[in-house]
Amino acid sequence: MGMFLPTLLHQTTPEQAAEWVPKAQSMQMIGTYAQTELGHGTFLRGLETTATYDAKAEEFILNTPTLTSFKWWPGGLAHTANHCVVVAQLYTKGKCYGVHPFLVQIRDLETHMPMPGIKIGEIGSKLGYNTVNNGFLGFNKVRIPRTNLLMKNAQVLKDGTYVKAKSEKLTYGTMVLIRVLIVTDMAYELARASTVAVRYSVVRHQSQPKPGLACGGHGYMKSSSFPFIQAIVTASVTYEGEYTVMMLQTARYLMKTLKQALSGKAITSTVAYLLDFDKNSNRNWQNTPEGIVIGFQAIAAGLTKAAYDEIEKHEKTGLDYEDSWNQASVQLVRASEAHCRVIICEKSWLEAQRLTKSLSPALSKVLLELVELYIIYWALEKKGDFLVYTKMQKDDVMQLQQRYEELLAVIRPNAVGLVDGFDIRDEILNSTLGAYDGRVYERLMEEALKSPLNAEPVNRSFHQYLKPFMTAKL
C-alpha cells in the first residue's frame, strides 16, 4: 500500500493531484498498487490486464481476459483498500500503447462491498508478512472515466488520440522509488539482526562457531526474532524485481556504457573505472582500503569486458543480440555484482572519511576500522578475482588475512556499542536473545512457560494416543 500515494504524487497532473492526493492523505481513499499478475511479474510488457478506450462514452473499459491476468500480491488489496492504481495495457483506436497506470475504485465507500464487475479476494498464507492481506483482483468490463488515466506523462484525448510521454521510463517511477526504499528497509532489518546476534554473543560463550551460526539452536526459536526477520528479508529478494532480473538490468546499463566508452564517448563518474581498466589492473598492489577499492574497480571492468566479449562471440555465430545476451547471462550477473561491490565499498570508504571530519577522534577511528573490515572481508572472499585481474600476490592475501583478524580483535570491544547505536527499542526488537538487559536465559524460560502446551501437567494427547499404546499388547 506504500506505493499508492507516491504514485498519485508523481504520476498525476496538477488537476488530478488536487482532487485525489488530499483524499488519499486523509484516508478517504485507501489505496494499493496493482501491477503484478498471477502469470506475470517482472516482465511488464507481458501484463495482460487491458484498459480499452471507448471514445463515445469517454471511458476506459478494464478487463482481465485470462486467469493469469488477475492482479496478484498487492498489499492491503483483499480487505483494506477501496481504491487501486492498476497497471494495464492501454488500447485506443485499435492499437496497444503499452502499460499505463489507472485509478480504479474497487469498493463502495459506504458499505465496502466490491464494485460491480470487480472480483477480489485474499491469496492465502505466506512464509511471512501474514498480517498483510495480500489480494487478487479481476475486472469484468469495469468502466472508469477517461480522466482516471494518470496523465502526467502520457495522455489520451477525448477523441482517443494518444499523446506519447517524453520518456516511457517515467511510467516506472513508482517502481524505482520502491526499489530504493527496499534497500533502506532491508538495512533496518540487518540492523535488527545484528543487534540480536552481537548482544547474544556477549552472553553466550560456547566453542567458536562461524559468525553466521553464532546464535546456534536458540536462534531457531521464534522468540529470538530471527525467523520473523528471515521471512521478511527472504521476500525482499523477489518482490518488486527478483535478484537475477535486477542484476541483468544493471548489466544492460554496463554493456551500454562500455560500448560508449569503447567508442570514445563520455560516461558517468560511477562507471569511469571502465576507462581505466588497463591502468588499474597493472597498478602495483596496495594492501589499503583505497588500494582494494581500485582492485575492485579493475575486477568489475574486467568482468564487464568479459561479458561484453561473450555476447559478441555468440553474435558472430549467427545468434541475434537477445539470444547472445541469454547465453552470456552468467557472466553478466557476475559483472553486475562486481559493479555493485565497487559502489558499496568506494562510497562507504569515502563517506566514512567525510564523517570523520565532524566526529571525535575515538569515534572516527572505530568507524574507519569498521568500514576497512568490510572492505577486507570482501577482498578475501573474492581473492580469486583479485589474483586474476590485479597484481595481488599470495603474500598480499596473507597480509590481508592478518589485518582482518587484527581488526576483529580491535572492533570486538566496541561491538555492543556499535549495535546499540541503532537505538532499536526492546519492544521493536522483540527478541529474547537481544534485549538490552542481557537476561537471555531468563527471557527464554519466561517465553517457554507461555506455551499453551504448558497449561496442564499432563497433555490430553497422553490419554488419547500414548496410554492406549502403552497398555495395548502389540
Protein backbone atom coordinates (compact mmCIF):
# COMPACT_ATOMS: atom_id res chain seq x y z
CA MET A 1 0.00 0.00 0.00
CA GLY A 2 3.04 2.24 0.36
CA MET A 3 3.19 2.66 -3.43
CA PHE A 4 -0.27 4.21 -3.78
CA LEU A 5 0.31 7.77 -2.55
CA PRO A 6 3.78 8.15 -4.18
CA THR A 7 2.16 7.16 -7.49
CA LEU A 8 -0.53 9.80 -7.12
CA LEU A 9 2.08 12.38 -6.18
CA HIS A 10 4.42 11.68 -9.07
CA GLN A 11 2.30 10.31 -11.93
CA THR A 12 -0.68 12.70 -11.96
CA THR A 13 -1.39 16.10 -13.49
CA PRO A 14 -1.81 19.08 -11.12
CA GLU A 15 -5.59 18.81 -11.55
CA GLN A 16 -5.62 15.10 -10.75
CA ALA A 17 -3.32 15.57 -7.78
CA ALA A 18 -5.53 18.33 -6.40
CA GLU A 19 -8.53 16.01 -6.49
CA TRP A 20 -7.00 12.74 -5.30
CA VAL A 21 -3.96 13.42 -3.11
CA PRO A 22 -5.85 15.16 -0.24
CA LYS A 23 -8.36 12.29 -0.17
CA ALA A 24 -5.54 9.74 -0.01
CA GLN A 25 -3.73 11.69 2.70
CA SER A 26 -6.91 11.96 4.79
CA MET A 27 -7.65 8.21 4.29
CA GLN A 28 -10.91 8.84 2.42
CA MET A 29 -9.24 6.92 -0.37
CA ILE A 30 -7.38 3.88 0.97
CA GLY A 31 -5.32 2.59 -1.88
CA THR A 32 -2.87 0.00 -3.11
CA TYR A 33 -0.80 -0.52 -6.26
CA ALA A 34 -1.75 -3.41 -8.55
CA GLN A 35 0.86 -4.31 -11.13
CA THR A 36 1.96 -7.92 -10.65
CA GLU A 37 -0.34 -10.56 -12.12
CA LEU A 38 -0.82 -14.24 -11.42
CA GLY A 39 1.16 -15.12 -14.53
CA HIS A 40 3.39 -12.05 -14.90
CA GLY A 41 5.80 -10.37 -12.51
CA THR A 42 8.91 -8.54 -13.66
CA PHE A 43 8.05 -8.89 -17.36
CA LEU A 44 5.95 -5.72 -17.53
CA ARG A 45 5.41 -5.86 -21.28
CA GLY A 46 3.69 -9.21 -20.76
CA LEU A 47 0.97 -7.88 -18.44
CA GLU A 48 -2.46 -9.00 -19.69
CA THR A 49 -4.95 -6.72 -17.92
CA THR A 50 -6.41 -4.37 -20.55
CA ALA A 51 -7.84 -0.86 -20.49
CA THR A 52 -9.63 -0.18 -23.78
CA TYR A 53 -10.79 3.36 -24.54
CA ASP A 54 -14.41 3.96 -25.58
CA ALA A 55 -14.40 7.38 -27.26
CA LYS A 56 -18.20 7.68 -27.37
CA ALA A 57 -18.53 7.31 -23.60
CA GLU A 58 -15.12 8.85 -22.83
CA GLU A 59 -14.37 5.85 -20.62
CA PHE A 60 -11.81 3.08 -20.30
CA ILE A 61 -13.10 -0.49 -20.04
CA LEU A 62 -10.93 -2.70 -17.82
CA ASN A 63 -10.80 -6.46 -18.31
CA THR A 64 -8.78 -9.41 -17.07
CA PRO A 65 -9.27 -11.72 -20.06
CA THR A 66 -7.46 -14.77 -18.62
CA LEU A 67 -6.81 -16.41 -15.26
CA THR A 68 -3.15 -15.38 -15.45
CA SER A 69 -4.16 -11.74 -15.96
CA PHE A 70 -5.65 -11.45 -12.45
CA LYS A 71 -3.73 -8.96 -10.31
CA TRP A 72 -1.93 -10.90 -7.59
CA TRP A 73 0.00 -9.89 -4.43
CA PRO A 74 -0.86 -6.19 -3.82
CA GLY A 75 -0.70 -5.50 -0.09
CA GLY A 76 -3.99 -4.50 1.54
CA LEU A 77 -5.90 -5.32 -1.63
CA ALA A 78 -8.01 -8.16 -0.23
CA HIS A 79 -9.87 -6.35 2.55
CA THR A 80 -8.40 -2.91 3.26
CA ALA A 81 -8.17 -0.84 0.07
CA ASN A 82 -11.12 0.87 -1.59
CA HIS A 83 -9.10 2.29 -4.48
CA CYS A 84 -6.32 0.89 -6.58
CA VAL A 85 -3.72 2.12 -9.06
CA VAL A 86 -4.00 -0.54 -11.74
CA VAL A 87 -1.25 -1.02 -14.32
CA ALA A 88 -2.84 -2.21 -17.57
CA GLN A 89 -2.24 -2.37 -21.31
CA LEU A 90 -3.75 0.77 -22.84
CA TYR A 91 -5.72 0.31 -26.08
CA THR A 92 -7.14 3.17 -28.11
CA LYS A 93 -8.21 3.37 -31.75
CA GLY A 94 -7.41 -0.32 -32.11
CA LYS A 95 -3.77 -0.01 -31.09
CA CYS A 96 -1.94 -1.06 -27.91
CA TYR A 97 0.31 1.62 -26.40
CA GLY A 98 1.79 -0.47 -23.60
CA VAL A 99 1.28 -0.42 -19.84
CA HIS A 100 -0.11 2.68 -18.11
CA PRO A 101 -1.43 3.42 -14.58
CA PHE A 102 -5.16 3.95 -13.93
CA LEU A 103 -7.01 4.91 -10.76
CA VAL A 104 -9.89 2.49 -10.08
CA GLN A 105 -12.42 2.44 -7.26
CA ILE A 106 -12.73 -1.20 -6.19
CA ARG A 107 -15.07 -0.98 -3.15
CA ASP A 108 -18.11 1.08 -2.20
CA LEU A 109 -17.11 3.87 0.19
CA GLU A 110 -20.12 3.29 2.46
CA THR A 111 -20.59 -0.49 2.52
CA HIS A 112 -17.06 -1.55 1.48
CA MET A 113 -18.65 -4.09 -0.87
CA PRO A 114 -16.77 -4.78 -4.14
CA MET A 115 -17.87 -2.55 -7.01
CA PRO A 116 -19.79 -4.13 -9.95
CA GLY A 117 -17.53 -6.19 -12.20
CA ILE A 118 -14.83 -6.49 -9.53
CA LYS A 119 -13.69 -9.91 -8.32
CA ILE A 120 -11.49 -9.60 -5.28
CA GLY A 121 -10.12 -11.81 -2.51
CA GLU A 122 -7.15 -12.87 -0.37
CA ILE A 123 -4.38 -15.09 -1.76
CA GLY A 124 -3.69 -17.20 1.36
CA SER A 125 -0.94 -17.75 3.93
CA LYS A 126 2.68 -16.88 3.15
CA LEU A 127 6.10 -17.55 4.64
CA GLY A 128 5.98 -14.09 6.23
CA TYR A 129 4.03 -10.80 6.23
CA ASN A 130 0.86 -12.67 7.25
CA THR A 131 -0.55 -9.54 8.90
CA VAL A 132 -0.81 -8.06 5.39
CA ASN A 133 -3.93 -9.06 3.43
CA ASN A 134 -2.32 -9.57 0.02
CA GLY A 135 -5.05 -9.99 -2.57
CA PHE A 136 -6.11 -10.88 -6.08
CA LEU A 137 -8.18 -8.66 -8.37
CA GLY A 138 -10.10 -9.28 -11.58
CA PHE A 139 -12.13 -6.99 -13.86
CA ASN A 140 -15.18 -7.80 -15.98
CA LYS A 141 -15.97 -4.82 -18.22
CA VAL A 142 -15.33 -2.29 -15.46
CA ARG A 143 -15.73 1.26 -16.76
CA ILE A 144 -13.79 4.25 -15.43
CA PRO A 145 -13.66 7.88 -16.67
CA ARG A 146 -11.01 8.83 -19.23
CA THR A 147 -9.54 11.20 -16.65
CA ASN A 148 -8.72 8.25 -14.37
CA LEU A 149 -5.71 7.54 -16.54
CA LEU A 150 -2.78 9.05 -14.63
CA MET A 151 -1.80 11.65 -17.20
CA LYS A 152 1.33 13.43 -16.00
CA ASN A 153 3.40 11.70 -18.69
CA ALA A 154 1.13 10.14 -21.36
CA GLN A 155 -2.41 11.23 -22.23
CA VAL A 156 -5.47 10.09 -24.17
CA LEU A 157 -7.56 12.92 -25.59
CA LYS A 158 -11.35 12.85 -25.72
CA ASP A 159 -11.37 11.58 -29.32
CA GLY A 160 -9.00 8.72 -28.40
CA THR A 161 -5.79 10.32 -29.71
CA TYR A 162 -2.79 9.07 -27.76
CA VAL A 163 -0.21 11.66 -26.66
CA LYS A 164 3.09 9.94 -26.02
CA ALA A 165 5.18 10.57 -22.91
CA LYS A 166 8.57 12.23 -23.29
CA SER A 167 10.08 9.02 -21.95
CA GLU A 168 8.38 5.66 -21.38
CA LYS A 169 10.67 5.13 -18.38
CA LEU A 170 8.80 7.87 -16.49
CA THR A 171 5.89 5.44 -16.10
CA TYR A 172 8.13 3.22 -13.95
CA GLY A 173 8.96 5.98 -11.46
CA THR A 174 7.00 4.41 -8.61
CA MET A 175 8.76 1.06 -9.06
CA VAL A 176 12.18 2.72 -8.99
CA LEU A 177 11.26 4.58 -5.79
CA ILE A 178 10.10 1.40 -4.09
CA ARG A 179 13.29 -0.43 -5.09
CA VAL A 180 15.28 2.30 -3.33
CA LEU A 181 13.05 2.05 -0.25
CA ILE A 182 13.55 -1.73 -0.18
CA VAL A 183 17.28 -1.18 0.33
CA THR A 184 16.51 1.16 3.24
CA ASP A 185 14.07 -1.33 4.79
CA MET A 186 16.48 -4.24 4.49
CA ALA A 187 19.27 -2.19 6.06
CA TYR A 188 16.99 -1.74 9.08
CA GLU A 189 16.27 -5.50 9.24
CA LEU A 190 20.01 -6.19 9.09
CA ALA A 191 20.46 -3.73 11.93
CA ARG A 192 17.88 -5.65 13.98
CA ALA A 193 19.53 -9.00 13.26
CA SER A 194 22.99 -7.60 14.04
CA THR A 195 21.76 -6.17 17.33
CA VAL A 196 20.36 -9.53 18.44
CA ALA A 197 23.43 -11.51 17.34
CA VAL A 198 26.00 -9.18 18.90
CA ARG A 199 24.19 -8.78 22.22
CA TYR A 200 23.62 -12.51 22.49
CA SER A 201 27.28 -13.26 21.69
CA VAL A 202 28.30 -11.26 24.75
CA VAL A 203 26.24 -13.56 26.98
CA ARG A 204 26.72 -16.86 25.18
CA HIS A 205 30.21 -18.36 25.10
CA GLN A 206 30.38 -21.83 23.60
CA SER A 207 33.19 -23.01 21.29
CA GLN A 208 33.92 -20.88 18.21
CA PRO A 209 31.18 -21.28 15.59
CA LYS A 210 31.13 -19.34 12.35
CA PRO A 211 29.56 -15.86 12.70
CA GLY A 212 26.53 -16.90 10.65
CA LEU A 213 25.81 -19.67 13.17
CA ALA A 214 26.67 -17.67 16.27
CA CYS A 215 23.15 -17.82 17.73
CA GLY A 216 23.01 -21.60 17.47
CA GLY A 217 19.87 -23.50 18.42
CA HIS A 218 18.35 -20.63 20.39
CA GLY A 219 18.45 -18.54 17.23
CA TYR A 220 15.98 -21.03 15.75
CA MET A 221 13.42 -20.13 18.41
CA LYS A 222 10.61 -17.88 17.20
CA SER A 223 11.15 -15.72 20.27
CA SER A 224 14.66 -14.85 19.06
CA SER A 225 13.02 -12.75 16.29
CA PHE A 226 15.31 -14.27 13.66
CA PRO A 227 12.57 -16.35 11.94
CA PHE A 228 10.48 -13.19 11.58
CA ILE A 229 13.40 -11.18 10.17
CA GLN A 230 14.37 -14.00 7.83
CA ALA A 231 10.83 -14.23 6.44
CA ILE A 232 10.92 -10.51 5.68
CA VAL A 233 14.33 -10.39 4.02
CA THR A 234 13.69 -13.60 2.07
CA ALA A 235 10.70 -11.97 0.40
CA SER A 236 12.72 -8.85 -0.46
CA VAL A 237 14.98 -10.88 -2.74
CA THR A 238 11.99 -11.44 -5.02
CA TYR A 239 9.33 -8.74 -4.70
CA GLU A 240 9.46 -5.62 -6.91
CA GLY A 241 12.08 -7.31 -9.08
CA GLU A 242 13.78 -10.66 -8.49
CA TYR A 243 17.53 -10.57 -7.76
CA THR A 244 18.79 -12.05 -11.04
CA VAL A 245 16.46 -9.82 -13.05
CA MET A 246 17.82 -6.76 -11.23
CA MET A 247 21.38 -7.89 -11.89
CA LEU A 248 20.65 -8.33 -15.59
CA GLN A 249 19.01 -4.93 -15.72
CA THR A 250 22.16 -3.42 -14.21
CA ALA A 251 24.18 -5.40 -16.75
CA ARG A 252 22.28 -3.75 -19.62
CA TYR A 253 23.45 -0.40 -18.30
CA LEU A 254 27.02 -1.69 -18.03
CA MET A 255 27.03 -3.07 -21.58
CA LYS A 256 25.60 0.17 -22.95
CA THR A 257 28.13 2.23 -21.01
CA LEU A 258 31.09 0.09 -22.04
CA LYS A 259 30.06 0.42 -25.68
CA GLN A 260 30.02 4.19 -25.25
CA ALA A 261 33.43 4.12 -23.57
CA LEU A 262 34.95 1.99 -26.34
CA SER A 263 33.65 4.45 -28.94
CA GLY A 264 35.25 7.37 -27.09
CA LYS A 265 32.06 8.87 -25.65
CA ALA A 266 31.83 10.34 -22.16
CA ILE A 267 30.42 8.16 -19.36
CA THR A 268 29.22 8.93 -15.84
CA SER A 269 31.58 9.05 -12.86
CA THR A 270 30.18 5.90 -11.19
CA VAL A 271 31.48 3.78 -14.10
CA ALA A 272 34.55 5.84 -15.02
CA TYR A 273 36.65 2.88 -13.90
CA LEU A 274 35.73 1.17 -17.19
CA LEU A 275 38.06 3.63 -18.92
CA ASP A 276 40.91 2.86 -16.52
CA PHE A 277 40.92 -0.93 -16.79
CA ASP A 278 44.47 -1.29 -18.14
CA LYS A 279 45.85 1.28 -15.69
CA ASN A 280 44.09 -0.21 -12.64
CA SER A 281 44.87 -3.84 -13.48
CA ASN A 282 48.59 -3.03 -13.90
CA ARG A 283 48.96 -0.88 -10.78
CA ASN A 284 51.32 -2.01 -8.07
CA TRP A 285 49.20 -3.64 -5.38
CA GLN A 286 48.48 -1.76 -2.14
CA ASN A 287 47.01 -3.50 0.89
CA THR A 288 44.97 -0.43 1.88
CA PRO A 289 41.25 0.32 1.63
CA GLU A 290 41.97 2.69 -1.27
CA GLY A 291 44.11 0.04 -2.99
CA ILE A 292 41.44 -2.63 -2.54
CA VAL A 293 38.75 -0.32 -3.98
CA ILE A 294 40.94 0.23 -7.06
CA GLY A 295 41.30 -3.55 -7.26
CA PHE A 296 37.53 -3.98 -7.14
CA GLN A 297 37.27 -1.47 -9.99
CA ALA A 298 39.74 -3.49 -12.05
CA ILE A 299 37.72 -6.67 -11.37
CA ALA A 300 34.42 -5.01 -12.31
CA ALA A 301 35.93 -3.60 -15.50
CA GLY A 302 37.46 -6.96 -16.39
CA LEU A 303 34.24 -8.90 -15.80
CA THR A 304 32.21 -6.30 -17.70
CA LYS A 305 34.56 -6.56 -20.69
CA ALA A 306 34.47 -10.37 -20.48
CA ALA A 307 30.65 -10.35 -20.60
CA TYR A 308 30.72 -7.86 -23.49
CA ASP A 309 33.13 -10.11 -25.41
CA GLU A 310 30.98 -13.17 -24.65
CA ILE A 311 27.94 -11.52 -26.23
CA GLU A 312 29.97 -10.58 -29.32
CA LYS A 313 31.30 -14.13 -29.58
CA HIS A 314 27.79 -15.58 -29.72
CA GLU A 315 26.64 -12.92 -32.19
CA LYS A 316 29.43 -13.96 -34.56
CA THR A 317 27.97 -17.49 -34.61
CA GLY A 318 24.73 -16.06 -36.05
CA LEU A 319 22.66 -15.61 -32.89
CA ASP A 320 20.71 -12.37 -32.54
CA TYR A 321 21.57 -9.99 -29.70
CA GLU A 322 18.91 -11.19 -27.24
CA ASP A 323 19.83 -14.86 -27.64
CA SER A 324 23.51 -13.94 -27.30
CA TRP A 325 22.59 -11.99 -24.16
CA ASN A 326 20.89 -15.05 -22.66
CA GLN A 327 23.93 -17.19 -23.43
CA ALA A 328 26.13 -14.71 -21.55
CA SER A 329 23.77 -14.27 -18.57
CA VAL A 330 26.11 -15.92 -16.04
CA GLN A 331 28.94 -13.52 -16.94
CA LEU A 332 26.53 -10.59 -16.97
CA VAL A 333 25.34 -11.29 -13.42
CA ARG A 334 28.95 -11.56 -12.23
CA ALA A 335 29.75 -8.21 -13.83
CA SER A 336 26.75 -6.57 -12.14
CA GLU A 337 27.66 -7.98 -8.74
CA ALA A 338 31.22 -6.70 -9.16
CA HIS A 339 29.94 -3.25 -10.13
CA CYS A 340 27.66 -3.11 -7.07
CA ARG A 341 30.56 -4.10 -4.85
CA VAL A 342 32.64 -1.25 -6.27
CA ILE A 343 29.89 1.25 -5.48
CA ILE A 344 29.32 -0.04 -1.94
CA CYS A 345 33.00 -0.25 -0.98
CA GLU A 346 34.03 3.00 -2.63
CA LYS A 347 31.14 5.08 -1.29
CA SER A 348 31.34 3.53 2.20
CA TRP A 349 35.02 4.42 2.49
CA LEU A 350 34.56 7.95 1.13
CA GLU A 351 31.58 8.58 3.40
CA ALA A 352 33.43 7.26 6.46
CA GLN A 353 36.33 9.61 5.71
CA ARG A 354 33.92 12.52 5.24
CA LEU A 355 32.19 11.81 8.56
CA THR A 356 35.46 11.72 10.48
CA LYS A 357 35.81 15.46 9.91
CA SER A 358 32.87 16.09 12.23
CA LEU A 359 33.35 13.22 14.72
CA SER A 360 35.59 12.74 17.73
CA PRO A 361 38.95 11.03 17.10
CA ALA A 362 37.85 7.94 19.05
CA LEU A 363 34.60 7.51 17.13
CA SER A 364 36.32 8.27 13.81
CA LYS A 365 38.83 5.50 14.48
CA VAL A 366 36.11 2.92 15.16
CA LEU A 367 34.10 3.93 12.09
CA LEU A 368 37.10 3.70 9.75
CA GLU A 369 38.10 0.34 11.21
CA LEU A 370 34.57 -1.00 10.69
CA VAL A 371 34.47 0.01 7.02
CA GLU A 372 38.01 -1.29 6.48
CA LEU A 373 36.91 -4.63 7.97
CA TYR A 374 34.03 -4.79 5.50
CA ILE A 375 36.25 -3.98 2.52
CA ILE A 376 38.92 -6.51 3.51
CA TYR A 377 36.27 -9.18 4.14
CA TRP A 378 35.08 -8.92 0.55
CA ALA A 379 38.65 -8.78 -0.76
CA LEU A 380 39.35 -12.12 0.94
CA GLU A 381 36.04 -13.57 -0.29
CA LYS A 382 36.90 -12.55 -3.87
CA LYS A 383 40.66 -13.18 -3.74
CA GLY A 384 40.44 -15.39 -6.83
CA ASP A 385 39.22 -12.43 -8.87
CA PHE A 386 41.94 -10.22 -7.40
CA LEU A 387 44.61 -12.73 -8.40
CA VAL A 388 43.22 -12.76 -11.96
CA TYR A 389 42.56 -9.06 -12.55
CA THR A 390 45.12 -7.27 -10.34
CA LYS A 391 48.76 -7.65 -9.29
CA MET A 392 47.82 -9.04 -5.87
CA GLN A 393 50.17 -11.84 -4.81
CA LYS A 394 49.93 -14.71 -2.33
CA ASP A 395 51.82 -12.71 0.31
CA ASP A 396 49.31 -9.86 -0.06
CA VAL A 397 46.47 -12.28 0.68
CA MET A 398 48.22 -13.48 3.82
CA GLN A 399 48.77 -9.89 4.97
CA LEU A 400 45.11 -9.07 4.38
CA GLN A 401 44.06 -12.11 6.39
CA GLN A 402 46.29 -10.98 9.24
CA ARG A 403 44.89 -7.44 9.11
CA TYR A 404 41.34 -8.84 9.02
CA GLU A 405 41.94 -10.78 12.24
CA GLU A 406 43.58 -7.74 13.85
CA LEU A 407 40.52 -5.64 13.06
CA LEU A 408 38.19 -8.26 14.54
CA ALA A 409 40.13 -8.06 17.81
CA VAL A 410 40.19 -4.26 17.77
CA ILE A 411 36.48 -3.85 16.96
CA ARG A 412 35.23 -6.59 19.33
CA PRO A 413 35.23 -4.37 22.49
CA ASN A 414 33.09 -1.82 20.63
CA ALA A 415 30.68 -4.30 19.02
CA VAL A 416 27.87 -3.86 21.55
CA GLY A 417 28.25 -0.09 21.49
CA LEU A 418 28.04 -0.11 17.70
CA VAL A 419 24.74 -2.03 17.56
CA ASP A 420 23.37 -0.01 20.49
CA GLY A 421 23.91 2.97 18.19
CA PHE A 422 21.00 1.71 16.06
CA ASP A 423 18.83 2.60 19.09
CA ILE A 424 16.23 -0.11 18.46
CA ARG A 425 13.89 -0.41 21.45
CA ASP A 426 13.28 -3.83 23.01
CA GLU A 427 9.58 -3.57 22.11
CA ILE A 428 10.54 -3.28 18.44
CA LEU A 429 13.37 -5.80 18.55
CA ASN A 430 11.02 -8.30 20.24
CA SER A 431 13.78 -10.81 20.93
CA THR A 432 14.58 -12.98 23.92
CA LEU A 433 18.22 -13.14 22.80
CA GLY A 434 18.81 -9.48 22.01
CA ALA A 435 17.13 -7.48 24.77
CA TYR A 436 19.11 -4.58 26.18
CA ASP A 437 19.32 -6.03 29.71
CA GLY A 438 21.06 -9.24 28.58
CA ARG A 439 18.67 -11.54 30.53
CA VAL A 440 18.82 -14.16 27.78
CA TYR A 441 18.17 -17.36 29.72
CA GLU A 442 15.53 -15.84 31.98
CA ARG A 443 13.63 -14.48 28.97
CA LEU A 444 13.88 -17.81 27.13
CA MET A 445 12.34 -19.61 30.11
CA GLU A 446 9.66 -16.93 30.59
CA GLU A 447 8.69 -17.27 26.93
CA ALA A 448 8.68 -21.08 27.11
CA LEU A 449 6.29 -21.03 30.05
CA LYS A 450 3.79 -19.07 27.94
CA SER A 451 3.37 -22.01 25.57
CA PRO A 452 -0.21 -23.41 25.57
CA LEU A 453 1.30 -26.88 25.84
CA ASN A 454 2.41 -25.99 29.37
CA ALA A 455 -1.14 -25.17 30.52
CA GLU A 456 -1.62 -28.62 32.08
CA PRO A 457 0.88 -31.09 33.63
CA VAL A 458 -0.40 -33.98 31.52
CA ASN A 459 -1.32 -33.19 27.97
CA ARG A 460 -4.55 -34.72 26.65
CA SER A 461 -2.57 -36.41 23.89
CA PHE A 462 -1.19 -38.79 26.53
CA HIS A 463 -4.63 -40.19 27.37
CA GLN A 464 -5.81 -40.12 23.77
CA TYR A 465 -2.80 -41.64 21.99
CA LEU A 466 0.15 -42.67 24.19
CA LYS A 467 -1.60 -44.56 27.01
CA PRO A 468 -3.51 -46.87 24.63
CA PHE A 469 -0.19 -47.78 23.01
CA MET A 470 1.43 -48.39 26.40
CA THR A 471 -1.37 -50.72 27.61
CA ALA A 472 -2.04 -52.49 24.32
CA LYS A 473 -0.50 -55.88 23.63
CA LEU A 474 1.30 -55.17 20.37
